[in-house]
Structures are given as C-alpha cells and as structure tokens.
Protein backbone atom coordinates (compact mmCIF):
# COMPACT_ATOMS: atom_id res chain seq x y z
CA MET A 1 -2.13 20.62 7.96
CA GLN A 2 1.48 21.85 7.95
CA LEU A 3 2.77 18.28 7.90
CA LEU A 4 0.64 17.45 4.86
CA PHE A 5 1.79 20.61 3.07
CA SER A 6 5.43 19.76 3.84
CA PHE A 7 4.94 16.22 2.56
CA PHE A 8 3.49 17.40 -0.76
CA LEU A 9 6.17 20.04 -1.11
CA CYS A 10 8.88 17.40 -0.63
CA VAL A 11 7.20 15.02 -3.07
CA ASN A 12 6.97 17.74 -5.70
CA ILE A 13 10.66 18.51 -5.31
CA LEU A 14 11.48 14.82 -5.64
CA LYS A 15 9.20 14.49 -8.67
CA HIS A 16 10.91 17.46 -10.30
CA ASN A 17 14.25 15.70 -9.74
CA LYS A 18 12.80 12.47 -11.23
CA GLU A 19 13.25 10.66 -7.90
CA VAL A 20 9.62 9.54 -7.55
CA ASN A 21 8.17 6.80 -9.71
CA GLU A 22 4.88 8.07 -11.18
CA ASP A 23 3.16 4.66 -11.05
CA GLU A 24 4.07 4.23 -7.38
CA TRP A 25 2.93 7.78 -6.57
CA ARG A 26 -0.42 7.27 -8.33
CA PHE A 27 -0.93 4.01 -6.46
CA LEU A 28 -0.19 5.73 -3.14
CA LEU A 29 -2.85 8.33 -3.92
CA THR A 30 -5.53 6.02 -5.30
CA GLY A 31 -4.87 2.46 -4.12
CA GLY A 32 -4.82 1.41 -7.75
CA VAL A 33 -7.73 0.92 -10.08
CA GLY A 34 -9.33 -2.46 -10.36
CA ILE A 35 -12.63 -4.09 -11.15
CA ASP A 36 -12.49 -7.72 -10.08
CA ASN A 37 -9.72 -9.48 -8.23
CA PRO A 38 -9.13 -13.03 -9.50
CA HIS A 39 -7.04 -13.85 -6.40
CA HIS A 40 -9.14 -14.97 -3.46
CA ASN A 41 -8.25 -13.50 -0.07
CA THR A 42 -6.88 -16.39 2.00
CA VAL A 43 -5.61 -14.11 4.79
CA ALA A 44 -8.63 -14.18 7.11
CA TRP A 45 -7.67 -11.20 9.28
CA LEU A 46 -7.04 -8.84 6.35
CA PRO A 47 -10.02 -6.90 4.94
CA ASP A 48 -10.87 -7.76 1.34
CA GLN A 49 -10.27 -4.18 0.21
CA SER A 50 -6.71 -4.31 1.57
CA TRP A 51 -6.14 -7.67 -0.11
CA ASP A 52 -7.38 -6.26 -3.42
CA GLU A 53 -4.95 -3.35 -3.11
CA ILE A 54 -2.05 -5.72 -2.41
CA CYS A 55 -2.97 -7.68 -5.53
CA ARG A 56 -3.17 -4.49 -7.63
CA LEU A 57 0.19 -3.42 -6.24
CA GLU A 58 1.71 -6.39 -8.10
CA ASN A 59 1.17 -4.46 -11.33
CA ILE A 60 4.03 -2.16 -10.33
CA PRO A 61 7.35 -3.85 -11.22
CA MET A 62 8.99 -3.09 -7.88
CA PHE A 63 6.24 -5.04 -6.08
CA ARG A 64 5.68 -7.89 -8.53
CA ASP A 65 5.85 -10.66 -5.89
CA ILE A 66 4.17 -8.78 -3.03
CA ARG A 67 1.16 -11.11 -2.89
CA LYS A 68 3.29 -14.24 -2.45
CA THR A 69 5.62 -12.53 -0.01
CA PHE A 70 2.71 -11.16 1.98
CA LYS A 71 1.20 -14.65 2.36
CA LYS A 72 4.58 -16.10 3.32
CA TYR A 73 5.07 -13.54 6.10
CA ALA A 74 1.40 -13.17 7.07
CA LEU A 75 2.11 -13.53 10.81
CA GLN A 76 4.67 -10.73 10.75
CA TRP A 77 2.34 -8.54 8.69
CA ARG A 78 -0.45 -9.26 11.16
CA ALA A 79 1.66 -7.97 14.06
CA PHE A 80 2.44 -4.80 12.08
CA TYR A 81 -1.19 -4.38 10.98
CA ASP A 82 -2.50 -4.81 14.52
CA SER A 83 0.00 -2.31 15.90
CA MET A 84 -0.96 0.28 13.29
CA VAL A 85 -4.71 -0.26 13.77
CA SER A 86 -4.44 0.07 17.53
CA ARG A 87 -2.31 3.19 17.14
CA PHE A 88 -4.98 4.89 15.00
CA LEU A 89 -7.82 3.85 17.31
CA TYR A 90 -6.35 5.85 20.17
CA LEU A 91 -5.52 9.08 18.32
C-alpha cells in the first residue's frame, strides 16, 4: 500500500510540474477506450485484449508505430511477456 501511495504522490508532483503527458497517464490507468479493433491479432501468443490495447496505444503520438514495431519484434516481446507472466504467477 505504501508503494502505491508513493507512486501516486510522485505522479502528482510530476503532473504539477507538467512532466506527465495526460493522454499517456489516462491510457496507463484505463488501457484506452475502444469499441471494435479493425486490426486482427496475428500474434498468436498474445491475448486479444492485450492486442487491442496495443492498437489503441497507437492513438497516442509517442506510440504511433507501436503495432508495427511490436509485430517486428514479436519474439523479443514474447520473451519479455513470458518472463513477466511467470514472475506474477509465483508471487
């Protein structure tokens, strides 16, 4: 609980200093808002919900090519994804 409080305190300080992009912050909190995804998930190991969030992330200018880049480096992302999933399974 203290770690979460510290995180939000730091974010609020950064937001006050205009060092946090509001669109990126909102996406972090919500995963973006979307109805239908016109881009079919071709990455078999990635859940559709995660793929939809990657596609919605493209609406933020800083991440405009994330979908293409993700597909290009899918093997590297898979290694990262698997390591994170296994880490959370054993908490």
